[in-house]
Amino acid sequence: MMGDSGREPIHWWQTRWFVVAIALASIIPLLYPSIPPMVDLPGHMGRYRVQLDIGHDPWFTQWYHFHWQLIGNLGIDLLVIPLAPIFGLELAVKLIVMTIPLLIVSGLLWIAREVHGRIPATALFALPLAYSYPFHFGFVNFALSMGLALNAFALWLRLARLNRIGLRAALFVPISCLIWLCHTYGWGTLGVLAFSAELVRAHDKGKSWLKAPFMAAPHCLPLCVPMALMVIWRGGKHVGGFTGDWFNWRLKWRWVKDILRDRWQDFDLASLGVIGLLLVKGLRDRTITYSRNLTLSALCLIAAYLVLPRIVFGSAYADMRLAPFMLAVLVIALRERPGYHMRDANLVAAIGLAFTLVRLTATTVSFGMYAQTYKTELAALDHVPAGARVLGLVGGHCRDVWAMSRLEHLPAMVMVRRRGFSNDQWDMAGAQLLNVDYPAARAFAHDPSEIVTERKCFRQRWMTIDQSLAWFPRRAFDYVWLINPPRYDASLAADLQPVWRAGTSVLYKVPEKQPPLAEREAAAVKLS
């Protein structure tokens, strides 16, 4: 990234080698874990295994239906098709997930470069947001689409700067469709960012803020083609999904506090505080300020965050996913004021880099610890034969615990490694391509039957572990896999045969000979 002619030489954080180096460094936390420790990811991997093997697998067709259709949530689902035969499913997923923080980091820096002319020193403080709470939660198609959207927005800005508007219009028809196909949120975010940028461009050409939208809107028409795809998707058969929980201000504030949530609450909140102090400094400091272009983009994302409900088409945490990106765009909106002393900029850049490296180190350690937990728990699968029907019961909490166990969907590795049945899959018509069809499992066929607690939780559908052990249909399952379970009545598992233990986790085999039905019904009545 060379500076414009006539300007002072670029500095180390503005060079191409630095951008490449810091983008590559962003993948370090994902190098060690064989399975990226993200809450929902093992569940998604189970779905990928079904889509790859259901046509020739002797077991999956007994429990699952998988039908391809056009939906705005197919990013990694499509990418694993060519990559899994080459690398194997687990490594293919890991390699794809590793590109996500790289794309987010490169996209943020490229946008900053296009808007400011050079990368401001303050932009380095946005880079830790590549590992945000939604990423840790395992919203991988969403996160991939956002990484692509950031880079696409940078290209949008670059082509506008070069006055290649016709070329931009031609390119962004397929680009917007591909991002929509990856996940609708990426496409929506790209539209918000592009429209806000066009508003500023129209205003700079002399249009008033009232007239600017009428000039900006036609330029954004190439991004509207996916609207037709959305109509096809949502107008299809067997498409459902509740949309609601609007303006839940308590949760919206909580999602902001959770933006950098990982393992250590005080450290994560302090890190968010560092970013907050930088943003406040931009409001009243004589050395740094906000650019109009990206500030308007950030304000538009904030408005979208406030308006979005918590649940869209049956998919929860809809608003939460946007929080880190509205903050990241607000951070890269900061820039040095004219005449800013470069010695001060070097200090700010050094602090920003140190901040990023400290967060990367902490995330690397955290992921390593989660990876060790995964390795310990997954040893149970050495005792599970191919095609087994496994009831996974994972210990949960009624109260929100900052450091999530990330074990909630680990039972899906039965599908990945043993091509068996797991009760953790989501069953949401139209939101994804896999549907569970195993009536014998009754209430234990799909998510959230895998989550169990010691006592009944207020406003949660989770069963207690005692209820699950007493009520699950013995004839529908071959094994019961308790993963970090809460305390339970051991007598309820007296008819089960333990075949593996690690700490409090245990794998039980369900014997073919069942206890008398009257005995099980009596236990169920006792718990109800």
Protein backbone atom coordinates (compact mmCIF):
# COMPACT_ATOMS: atom_id res chain seq x y z
CA MET A 1 0.00 0.00 0.00
CA MET A 2 2.07 2.86 -1.28
CA GLY A 3 1.13 6.38 -0.47
CA ASP A 4 -0.12 8.86 -3.04
CA SER A 5 2.57 10.87 -4.78
CA GLY A 6 3.51 14.01 -2.95
CA ARG A 7 2.55 12.65 0.43
CA GLU A 8 4.90 11.59 3.20
CA PRO A 9 6.06 7.95 3.19
CA ILE A 10 3.70 5.34 4.51
CA HIS A 11 4.33 3.80 7.91
CA TRP A 12 4.70 0.20 9.00
CA TRP A 13 1.02 -0.46 9.80
CA GLN A 14 0.01 0.93 6.39
CA THR A 15 2.19 -1.40 4.32
CA ARG A 16 1.04 -4.45 2.36
CA TRP A 17 3.37 -6.73 4.27
CA PHE A 18 1.84 -5.70 7.57
CA VAL A 19 -1.71 -6.24 6.31
CA VAL A 20 -0.77 -9.69 5.02
CA ALA A 21 1.08 -10.55 8.24
CA ILE A 22 -1.68 -9.47 10.63
CA ALA A 23 -4.35 -11.16 8.51
CA LEU A 24 -2.38 -14.43 8.59
CA ALA A 25 -1.75 -14.00 12.32
CA SER A 26 -5.51 -13.86 12.86
CA ILE A 27 -5.78 -17.59 12.09
CA ILE A 28 -3.33 -18.63 14.85
CA PRO A 29 -6.03 -19.49 17.45
CA LEU A 30 -7.51 -22.00 14.98
CA LEU A 31 -4.29 -23.85 14.14
CA TYR A 32 -4.22 -26.29 17.07
CA PRO A 33 -7.85 -27.40 17.52
CA SER A 34 -8.83 -30.20 15.12
CA ILE A 35 -12.43 -29.02 15.54
CA PRO A 36 -12.79 -25.24 15.97
CA PRO A 37 -14.37 -24.95 19.46
CA MET A 38 -17.48 -23.03 18.50
CA VAL A 39 -20.81 -23.85 20.13
CA ASP A 40 -22.93 -24.73 17.08
CA LEU A 41 -20.19 -25.90 14.72
CA PRO A 42 -20.24 -29.64 15.58
CA GLY A 43 -24.00 -29.61 14.93
CA HIS A 44 -23.42 -28.06 11.51
CA MET A 45 -20.73 -30.64 10.81
CA GLY A 46 -23.27 -33.38 11.50
CA ARG A 47 -25.50 -31.85 8.82
CA TYR A 48 -22.58 -31.68 6.38
CA ARG A 49 -21.92 -35.39 6.93
CA VAL A 50 -25.55 -36.22 6.15
CA GLN A 51 -25.60 -34.11 2.98
CA LEU A 52 -22.40 -35.76 1.74
CA ASP A 53 -23.35 -39.37 2.52
CA ILE A 54 -27.12 -39.74 2.70
CA GLY A 55 -27.40 -41.00 -0.89
CA HIS A 56 -25.22 -44.03 -0.22
CA ASP A 57 -25.24 -44.38 3.56
CA PRO A 58 -27.08 -47.40 5.03
CA TRP A 59 -28.14 -45.56 8.19
CA PHE A 60 -28.87 -41.85 7.70
CA THR A 61 -32.00 -42.43 5.61
CA GLN A 62 -33.63 -44.07 8.64
CA TRP A 63 -33.58 -40.84 10.64
CA TYR A 64 -33.06 -37.82 8.38
CA HIS A 65 -34.40 -36.20 5.22
CA PHE A 66 -32.12 -33.95 3.20
CA HIS A 67 -33.41 -32.00 0.19
CA TRP A 68 -31.44 -29.35 -1.67
CA GLN A 69 -33.22 -26.07 -2.23
CA LEU A 70 -32.32 -22.43 -2.71
CA ILE A 71 -31.95 -20.73 0.68
CA GLY A 72 -29.85 -17.84 1.92
CA ASN A 73 -27.79 -19.94 4.32
CA LEU A 74 -25.56 -22.27 2.30
CA GLY A 75 -22.00 -20.92 2.65
CA ILE A 76 -20.01 -23.77 4.15
CA ASP A 77 -22.69 -26.32 3.16
CA LEU A 78 -21.64 -25.76 -0.46
CA LEU A 79 -17.91 -25.34 0.12
CA VAL A 80 -17.52 -28.73 1.83
CA ILE A 81 -18.78 -30.52 -1.29
CA PRO A 82 -15.53 -30.08 -3.29
CA LEU A 83 -13.21 -29.86 -0.26
CA ALA A 84 -14.35 -32.80 1.88
CA PRO A 85 -13.30 -35.47 -0.68
CA ILE A 86 -9.82 -33.90 -0.79
CA PHE A 87 -9.16 -33.13 2.89
CA GLY A 88 -11.80 -35.10 4.75
CA LEU A 89 -14.80 -33.38 6.29
CA GLU A 90 -13.22 -32.26 9.58
CA LEU A 91 -10.10 -30.72 8.03
CA ALA A 92 -12.15 -29.14 5.23
CA VAL A 93 -14.40 -27.41 7.77
CA LYS A 94 -11.40 -26.27 9.79
CA LEU A 95 -9.71 -24.76 6.71
CA ILE A 96 -12.88 -22.90 5.73
CA VAL A 97 -13.43 -21.56 9.25
CA MET A 98 -9.81 -20.36 9.32
CA THR A 99 -10.54 -18.05 6.40
CA ILE A 100 -13.25 -16.20 8.34
CA PRO A 101 -11.07 -14.10 10.72
CA LEU A 102 -8.63 -13.56 7.86
CA LEU A 103 -11.42 -12.14 5.68
CA ILE A 104 -12.76 -9.95 8.49
CA VAL A 105 -9.34 -8.48 9.29
CA SER A 106 -8.42 -7.87 5.65
CA GLY A 107 -11.85 -6.42 4.93
CA LEU A 108 -11.73 -3.93 7.81
CA LEU A 109 -8.25 -2.73 6.87
CA TRP A 110 -9.13 -2.46 3.18
CA ILE A 111 -12.23 -0.41 3.95
CA ALA A 112 -10.17 1.90 6.19
CA ARG A 113 -7.61 2.29 3.39
CA GLU A 114 -10.25 3.18 0.82
CA VAL A 115 -12.05 5.70 3.00
CA HIS A 116 -9.07 7.42 4.65
CA GLY A 117 -6.47 7.07 1.89
CA ARG A 118 -4.24 5.22 4.34
CA ILE A 119 -4.89 2.90 7.25
CA PRO A 120 -5.23 5.01 10.41
CA ALA A 121 -3.31 3.82 13.46
CA THR A 122 -6.60 3.56 15.34
CA ALA A 123 -7.92 0.92 12.91
CA LEU A 124 -5.77 -1.74 14.61
CA PHE A 125 -8.08 -1.63 17.62
CA ALA A 126 -10.89 -3.10 15.48
CA LEU A 127 -9.02 -6.29 14.57
CA PRO A 128 -9.81 -8.32 17.75
CA LEU A 129 -13.47 -8.08 16.76
CA ALA A 130 -12.78 -10.84 14.21
CA TYR A 131 -13.16 -13.18 17.21
CA SER A 132 -16.47 -11.91 18.52
CA TYR A 133 -19.25 -13.61 20.45
CA PRO A 134 -21.24 -14.60 17.33
CA PHE A 135 -18.11 -16.27 15.95
CA HIS A 136 -17.56 -18.19 19.18
CA PHE A 137 -21.22 -19.20 19.06
CA GLY A 138 -20.56 -20.94 15.75
CA PHE A 139 -22.69 -18.92 13.33
CA VAL A 140 -20.27 -19.90 10.62
CA ASN A 141 -22.30 -19.20 7.46
CA PHE A 142 -23.18 -15.80 8.89
CA ALA A 143 -19.57 -15.02 9.86
CA LEU A 144 -18.25 -16.12 6.46
CA SER A 145 -20.81 -13.95 4.68
CA MET A 146 -19.83 -10.95 6.82
CA GLY A 147 -16.15 -11.43 6.00
CA LEU A 148 -17.04 -11.54 2.31
CA ALA A 149 -19.35 -8.53 2.66
CA LEU A 150 -16.61 -6.39 4.24
CA ASN A 151 -14.23 -7.12 1.38
CA ALA A 152 -17.00 -6.58 -1.16
CA PHE A 153 -17.76 -3.18 0.40
CA ALA A 154 -14.09 -2.24 0.15
CA LEU A 155 -14.20 -3.16 -3.56
CA TRP A 156 -17.40 -1.10 -3.92
CA LEU A 157 -15.59 1.92 -2.46
CA ARG A 158 -12.51 1.38 -4.60
CA LEU A 159 -14.44 1.19 -7.86
CA ALA A 160 -16.34 4.36 -6.90
CA ARG A 161 -13.05 6.11 -6.16
CA LEU A 162 -11.76 5.07 -9.59
CA ASN A 163 -15.09 6.16 -11.16
CA ARG A 164 -15.70 2.66 -12.56
CA ILE A 165 -19.41 2.74 -11.82
CA GLY A 166 -20.45 0.65 -14.83
CA LEU A 167 -17.94 -2.07 -14.03
CA ARG A 168 -19.07 -1.98 -10.40
CA ALA A 169 -22.69 -2.47 -11.39
CA ALA A 170 -21.79 -5.49 -13.55
CA LEU A 171 -19.61 -7.09 -10.89
CA PHE A 172 -21.96 -6.67 -7.97
CA VAL A 173 -24.89 -8.52 -9.49
CA PRO A 174 -23.10 -11.89 -9.10
CA ILE A 175 -21.20 -10.78 -5.99
CA SER A 176 -24.39 -9.86 -4.14
CA CYS A 177 -26.04 -13.15 -5.16
CA LEU A 178 -23.07 -15.19 -3.94
CA ILE A 179 -22.99 -13.38 -0.59
CA TRP A 180 -26.76 -13.86 -0.21
CA LEU A 181 -26.32 -17.56 -0.95
CA CYS A 182 -23.67 -17.73 1.78
CA HIS A 183 -25.99 -16.03 4.29
CA THR A 184 -28.63 -13.35 3.94
CA TYR A 185 -27.09 -11.21 6.70
CA GLY A 186 -23.92 -10.59 4.72
CA TRP A 187 -25.95 -9.43 1.74
CA GLY A 188 -28.13 -7.20 3.92
CA THR A 189 -25.10 -5.67 5.62
CA LEU A 190 -23.44 -5.02 2.26
CA GLY A 191 -26.59 -3.23 1.12
CA VAL A 192 -26.68 -1.01 4.21
CA LEU A 193 -22.98 -0.15 3.89
CA ALA A 194 -23.17 0.53 0.15
CA PHE A 195 -26.26 2.74 0.45
CA SER A 196 -24.72 4.80 3.24
CA ALA A 197 -21.55 5.29 1.15
CA GLU A 198 -23.62 6.37 -1.84
CA LEU A 199 -25.48 8.89 0.32
CA VAL A 200 -22.19 10.54 1.25
CA ARG A 201 -21.00 10.46 -2.37
CA ALA A 202 -24.24 12.10 -3.55
CA HIS A 203 -23.96 14.75 -0.85
CA ASP A 204 -20.36 15.47 -1.84
CA LYS A 205 -21.62 16.11 -5.38
CA GLY A 206 -23.85 18.88 -4.09
CA LYS A 207 -27.08 17.07 -3.35
CA SER A 208 -28.88 17.90 -0.13
CA TRP A 209 -29.35 15.15 2.43
CA LEU A 210 -33.03 15.06 1.45
CA LYS A 211 -32.24 14.53 -2.24
CA ALA A 212 -29.19 12.30 -1.76
CA PRO A 213 -31.21 9.08 -1.24
CA PHE A 214 -32.83 9.49 -4.68
CA MET A 215 -29.40 9.66 -6.28
CA ALA A 216 -27.96 6.87 -4.14
CA ALA A 217 -30.75 4.35 -4.64
CA PRO A 218 -30.23 3.73 -8.39
CA HIS A 219 -26.54 2.99 -7.80
CA CYS A 220 -27.53 0.23 -5.35
CA LEU A 221 -29.90 -1.54 -7.76
CA PRO A 222 -27.27 -4.18 -8.71
CA LEU A 223 -27.44 -5.32 -5.07
CA CYS A 224 -31.19 -5.93 -5.26
CA VAL A 225 -31.23 -9.08 -7.41
CA PRO A 226 -31.15 -11.37 -4.34
CA MET A 227 -34.55 -9.97 -3.38
CA ALA A 228 -35.97 -12.25 -6.08
CA LEU A 229 -34.05 -15.16 -4.57
CA MET A 230 -35.50 -14.26 -1.17
CA VAL A 231 -39.05 -14.37 -2.57
CA ILE A 232 -38.38 -17.80 -4.09
CA TRP A 233 -36.97 -19.06 -0.78
CA ARG A 234 -39.64 -17.74 1.54
CA GLY A 235 -42.43 -18.48 -0.90
CA GLY A 236 -41.61 -22.17 -1.14
CA LYS A 237 -43.44 -25.07 0.45
CA HIS A 238 -42.68 -26.21 3.98
CA VAL A 239 -41.15 -22.87 4.91
CA GLY A 240 -41.85 -21.67 8.40
CA GLY A 241 -40.08 -19.89 11.18
CA PHE A 242 -41.26 -17.44 13.81
CA THR A 243 -40.11 -13.82 13.65
CA GLY A 244 -40.45 -11.84 16.85
CA ASP A 245 -39.15 -10.53 20.19
CA TRP A 246 -38.82 -6.97 18.94
CA PHE A 247 -37.11 -4.15 20.82
CA ASN A 248 -35.85 -6.28 23.69
CA TRP A 249 -33.66 -3.52 25.09
CA ARG A 250 -32.35 -5.60 27.96
CA LEU A 251 -30.95 -8.21 25.60
CA LYS A 252 -29.70 -5.64 23.10
CA TRP A 253 -27.61 -4.01 25.83
CA ARG A 254 -26.40 -7.44 26.91
CA TRP A 255 -25.30 -8.32 23.35
CA VAL A 256 -23.19 -5.14 23.29
CA LYS A 257 -21.50 -6.15 26.56
CA ASP A 258 -20.96 -9.64 25.14
CA ILE A 259 -19.23 -8.51 21.93
CA LEU A 260 -15.80 -9.88 22.98
CA ARG A 261 -17.17 -12.61 25.24
CA ASP A 262 -14.98 -15.70 25.34
CA ARG A 263 -13.71 -17.23 28.61
CA TRP A 264 -12.46 -14.65 31.14
CA GLN A 265 -15.21 -12.12 31.88
CA ASP A 266 -13.09 -9.38 33.48
CA PHE A 267 -10.52 -9.57 30.69
CA ASP A 268 -13.17 -9.57 27.95
CA LEU A 269 -15.05 -6.62 29.45
CA ALA A 270 -11.80 -4.70 30.01
CA SER A 271 -10.91 -5.27 26.35
CA LEU A 272 -14.29 -3.89 25.31
CA GLY A 273 -13.63 -0.95 27.62
CA VAL A 274 -10.39 -0.18 25.75
CA ILE A 275 -12.35 0.09 22.50
CA GLY A 276 -15.00 2.19 24.23
CA LEU A 277 -12.40 4.65 25.53
CA LEU A 278 -10.98 5.01 22.03
CA LEU A 279 -14.42 5.80 20.62
CA VAL A 280 -15.04 8.41 23.33
CA LYS A 281 -11.63 9.91 22.63
CA GLY A 282 -12.66 10.39 19.00
CA LEU A 283 -15.56 12.61 20.11
CA ARG A 284 -13.52 15.18 21.97
CA ASP A 285 -9.87 14.76 21.03
CA ARG A 286 -7.81 17.26 19.05
CA THR A 287 -5.75 14.52 17.36
CA ILE A 288 -8.34 12.05 16.06
CA THR A 289 -11.85 12.40 14.68
CA TYR A 290 -14.54 10.45 12.80
CA SER A 291 -14.95 10.34 9.02
CA ARG A 292 -18.41 11.19 7.69
CA ASN A 293 -18.50 8.19 5.36
CA LEU A 294 -17.91 5.38 7.86
CA THR A 295 -19.64 7.17 10.71
CA LEU A 296 -22.82 7.22 8.64
CA SER A 297 -22.27 3.55 7.77
CA ALA A 298 -21.88 2.71 11.46
CA LEU A 299 -24.98 4.71 12.38
CA CYS A 300 -26.97 2.83 9.74
CA LEU A 301 -25.78 -0.50 11.18
CA ILE A 302 -26.67 0.68 14.69
CA ALA A 303 -30.15 1.59 13.47
CA ALA A 304 -30.51 -1.86 11.89
CA TYR A 305 -29.35 -3.44 15.16
CA LEU A 306 -31.96 -1.53 17.14
CA VAL A 307 -34.76 -2.44 14.73
CA LEU A 308 -33.93 -6.12 14.23
CA PRO A 309 -35.89 -8.59 16.38
CA ARG A 310 -34.15 -11.29 18.36
CA ILE A 311 -35.65 -14.07 16.22
CA VAL A 312 -35.92 -14.02 12.40
CA PHE A 313 -37.50 -16.94 10.51
CA GLY A 314 -37.06 -19.12 13.60
CA SER A 315 -33.33 -18.33 13.88
CA ALA A 316 -32.42 -16.84 17.26
CA TYR A 317 -29.83 -14.17 18.08
CA ALA A 318 -30.60 -12.27 14.88
CA ASP A 319 -29.76 -8.85 16.34
CA MET A 320 -26.83 -10.09 18.45
CA ARG A 321 -24.88 -11.12 15.35
CA LEU A 322 -24.69 -7.55 14.05
CA ALA A 323 -23.30 -5.96 17.22
CA PRO A 324 -19.56 -6.64 16.67
CA PHE A 325 -19.66 -5.34 13.10
CA MET A 326 -21.41 -2.07 13.91
CA LEU A 327 -18.70 -1.53 16.53
CA ALA A 328 -15.89 -2.50 14.13
CA VAL A 329 -17.10 -0.05 11.46
CA LEU A 330 -17.33 2.69 14.10
CA VAL A 331 -13.72 2.03 15.13
CA ILE A 332 -12.34 2.15 11.58
CA ALA A 333 -14.28 5.40 11.09
CA LEU A 334 -11.68 7.06 13.33
CA ARG A 335 -8.73 8.82 11.68
CA GLU A 336 -6.00 11.29 12.49
CA ARG A 337 -6.75 14.97 12.13
CA PRO A 338 -4.66 16.95 9.63
CA GLY A 339 -1.30 17.87 11.14
CA TYR A 340 -1.33 14.92 13.52
CA HIS A 341 2.23 14.22 14.71
CA MET A 342 3.37 10.88 13.35
CA ARG A 343 5.33 10.08 16.52
CA ASP A 344 2.00 10.01 18.32
CA ALA A 345 0.51 7.90 15.52
CA ASN A 346 3.35 5.39 15.91
CA LEU A 347 2.56 5.11 19.60
CA VAL A 348 -1.16 4.61 18.93
CA ALA A 349 -0.38 1.97 16.29
CA ALA A 350 1.99 0.18 18.66
CA ILE A 351 -0.67 0.13 21.40
CA GLY A 352 -3.28 -1.06 18.89
CA LEU A 353 -1.02 -3.86 17.69
CA ALA A 354 -0.23 -4.87 21.27
CA PHE A 355 -3.96 -4.90 22.05
CA THR A 356 -4.61 -7.14 19.04
CA LEU A 357 -1.76 -9.53 19.89
CA VAL A 358 -2.85 -9.82 23.54
CA ARG A 359 -6.39 -10.68 22.44
CA LEU A 360 -5.05 -13.19 19.88
CA THR A 361 -2.87 -14.81 22.54
CA ALA A 362 -5.77 -15.10 24.97
CA THR A 363 -8.03 -16.55 22.27
CA THR A 364 -5.31 -19.04 21.31
CA VAL A 365 -5.00 -20.22 24.92
CA SER A 366 -8.78 -20.36 25.32
CA PHE A 367 -9.25 -22.37 22.12
CA GLY A 368 -6.46 -24.73 23.17
CA MET A 369 -8.22 -25.40 26.47
CA TYR A 370 -11.53 -26.03 24.72
CA ALA A 371 -9.77 -28.30 22.23
CA GLN A 372 -8.42 -30.43 25.08
CA THR A 373 -11.93 -30.75 26.51
CA TYR A 374 -13.22 -31.82 23.10
CA LYS A 375 -10.47 -34.42 22.83
CA THR A 376 -11.30 -35.86 26.26
CA GLU A 377 -15.03 -36.06 25.60
CA LEU A 378 -14.72 -37.43 22.06
CA ALA A 379 -12.76 -40.42 23.34
CA ALA A 380 -16.20 -41.88 24.12
CA LEU A 381 -16.76 -42.41 20.40
CA ASP A 382 -14.05 -45.10 20.40
CA HIS A 383 -16.68 -47.26 22.12
CA VAL A 384 -19.54 -46.45 19.74
CA PRO A 385 -20.06 -48.64 16.64
CA ALA A 386 -21.02 -47.27 13.23
CA GLY A 387 -24.70 -46.54 12.80
CA ALA A 388 -25.45 -46.35 16.53
CA ARG A 389 -28.38 -44.31 17.80
CA VAL A 390 -26.97 -42.07 20.54
CA LEU A 391 -28.91 -39.91 22.98
CA GLY A 392 -26.59 -37.08 23.95
CA LEU A 393 -27.33 -35.27 27.21
CA VAL A 394 -25.12 -32.25 27.82
CA GLY A 395 -25.06 -30.42 31.12
CA GLY A 396 -26.41 -26.88 30.99
CA HIS A 397 -27.16 -24.01 33.39
CA CYS A 398 -30.32 -22.09 34.13
CA ARG A 399 -28.31 -18.90 34.57
CA ASP A 400 -26.07 -17.50 31.88
CA VAL A 401 -22.43 -18.49 32.42
CA TRP A 402 -19.86 -16.24 30.74
CA ALA A 403 -17.49 -19.06 29.73
CA MET A 404 -19.75 -21.37 27.75
CA SER A 405 -18.89 -25.07 27.76
CA ARG A 406 -19.16 -25.22 23.94
CA LEU A 407 -20.21 -28.85 24.36
CA GLU A 408 -23.90 -28.36 23.54
CA HIS A 409 -23.64 -29.84 20.04
CA LEU A 410 -20.71 -32.17 20.55
CA PRO A 411 -23.09 -35.19 20.31
CA ALA A 412 -23.31 -34.45 16.57
CA MET A 413 -19.82 -35.87 16.20
CA VAL A 414 -21.59 -39.25 16.38
CA MET A 415 -22.94 -38.34 12.93
CA VAL A 416 -19.55 -37.13 11.68
CA ARG A 417 -17.37 -39.98 12.94
CA ARG A 418 -19.80 -42.89 13.35
CA ARG A 419 -22.57 -42.03 10.86
CA GLY A 420 -25.03 -42.57 13.67
CA PHE A 421 -28.06 -40.74 15.01
CA SER A 422 -27.70 -37.74 17.30
CA ASN A 423 -30.56 -35.89 18.97
CA ASP A 424 -28.98 -32.43 18.72
CA GLN A 425 -29.93 -31.40 15.16
CA TRP A 426 -32.09 -28.33 14.54
CA ASP A 427 -35.40 -29.06 12.87
CA MET A 428 -36.56 -25.74 11.37
CA ALA A 429 -38.51 -25.94 8.14
CA GLY A 430 -37.04 -23.70 5.45
CA ALA A 431 -34.12 -22.48 7.58
CA GLN A 432 -31.83 -25.36 6.59
CA LEU A 433 -31.89 -28.41 4.37
CA LEU A 434 -31.94 -31.23 6.93
CA ASN A 435 -35.06 -32.47 8.68
CA VAL A 436 -35.25 -35.06 11.44
CA ASP A 437 -37.70 -37.91 10.85
CA TYR A 438 -37.39 -40.36 13.73
CA PRO A 439 -40.79 -40.66 15.47
CA ALA A 440 -39.57 -43.45 17.77
CA ALA A 441 -37.36 -40.90 19.58
CA ARG A 442 -40.45 -38.84 20.45
CA ALA A 443 -39.42 -35.66 22.33
CA PHE A 444 -35.76 -36.70 22.11
CA ALA A 445 -35.44 -36.46 18.33
CA HIS A 446 -33.87 -33.00 17.92
CA ASP A 447 -32.52 -29.83 19.54
CA PRO A 448 -32.83 -28.80 22.39
CA SER A 449 -33.40 -32.29 23.84
CA GLU A 450 -29.62 -32.66 24.22
CA ILE A 451 -29.42 -29.90 26.86
CA VAL A 452 -30.26 -30.95 30.42
CA THR A 453 -30.10 -29.15 33.75
CA GLU A 454 -30.28 -30.18 37.38
CA ARG A 455 -33.59 -28.36 37.92
CA LYS A 456 -36.29 -26.98 35.66
CA CYS A 457 -35.29 -23.63 34.16
CA PHE A 458 -37.74 -20.73 33.92
CA ARG A 459 -38.83 -20.01 30.31
CA GLN A 460 -36.66 -22.79 28.89
CA ARG A 461 -37.74 -25.95 27.07
CA TRP A 462 -34.88 -27.98 28.51
CA MET A 463 -35.70 -31.06 30.55
CA THR A 464 -33.95 -31.89 33.77
CA ILE A 465 -31.44 -34.70 33.52
CA ASP A 466 -33.60 -36.88 35.76
CA GLN A 467 -36.58 -36.35 33.49
CA SER A 468 -34.52 -37.23 30.42
CA LEU A 469 -33.09 -40.40 31.95
CA ALA A 470 -36.51 -41.54 33.08
CA TRP A 471 -38.51 -40.63 29.99
CA PHE A 472 -36.31 -41.31 26.97
CA PRO A 473 -37.59 -44.26 24.88
CA ARG A 474 -35.12 -47.07 25.49
CA ARG A 475 -35.97 -48.93 22.31
CA ALA A 476 -35.13 -45.88 20.17
CA PHE A 477 -31.50 -45.58 21.31
CA ASP A 478 -28.44 -47.79 21.59
CA TYR A 479 -26.32 -45.50 23.79
CA VAL A 480 -26.74 -42.60 26.21
CA TRP A 481 -23.82 -40.17 26.26
CA LEU A 482 -23.74 -37.90 29.33
CA ILE A 483 -21.37 -35.01 28.67
CA ASN A 484 -20.37 -32.98 31.73
CA PRO A 485 -23.79 -33.72 33.28
CA PRO A 486 -25.27 -32.04 36.36
CA ARG A 487 -26.05 -34.17 39.41
CA TYR A 488 -28.62 -36.86 38.73
CA ASP A 489 -30.36 -39.77 40.40
CA ALA A 490 -28.10 -42.74 39.60
CA SER A 491 -31.00 -45.16 40.06
CA LEU A 492 -32.55 -43.77 36.87
CA ALA A 493 -29.57 -45.16 34.94
CA ALA A 494 -29.52 -48.48 36.78
CA ASP A 495 -30.73 -50.33 33.69
CA LEU A 496 -27.91 -48.86 31.56
CA GLN A 497 -24.45 -50.37 31.20
CA PRO A 498 -21.48 -47.94 31.55
CA VAL A 499 -18.83 -48.55 28.90
CA TRP A 500 -16.67 -45.41 29.25
CA ARG A 501 -16.04 -42.67 31.80
CA ALA A 502 -13.99 -39.47 31.96
CA GLY A 503 -14.55 -37.26 34.97
CA THR A 504 -18.29 -36.85 35.35
CA SER A 505 -18.97 -37.78 31.72
CA VAL A 506 -20.10 -41.32 30.98
CA LEU A 507 -21.22 -43.39 28.01
CA TYR A 508 -23.97 -45.90 28.74
CA LYS A 509 -25.06 -48.77 26.54
CA VAL A 510 -28.79 -49.36 26.47
CA PRO A 511 -29.24 -53.12 26.96
CA GLU A 512 -31.61 -54.98 24.71
CA LYS A 513 -33.46 -56.31 27.72
CA GLN A 514 -35.52 -53.44 29.08
CA PRO A 515 -36.77 -52.98 32.65
CA PRO A 516 -40.49 -53.60 33.14
CA LEU A 517 -42.62 -50.88 31.57
CA ALA A 518 -44.53 -50.38 34.81
CA GLU A 519 -41.26 -49.60 36.60
CA ARG A 520 -40.30 -46.92 34.07
CA GLU A 521 -43.79 -45.40 34.13
CA ALA A 522 -43.66 -45.22 37.92
CA ALA A 523 -40.36 -43.33 37.74
CA ALA A 524 -41.84 -40.92 35.19
CA VAL A 525 -44.88 -40.24 37.38
CA LYS A 526 -42.55 -39.58 40.31
CA LEU A 527 -40.69 -36.89 38.33
CA SER A 528 -43.70 -35.19 36.74
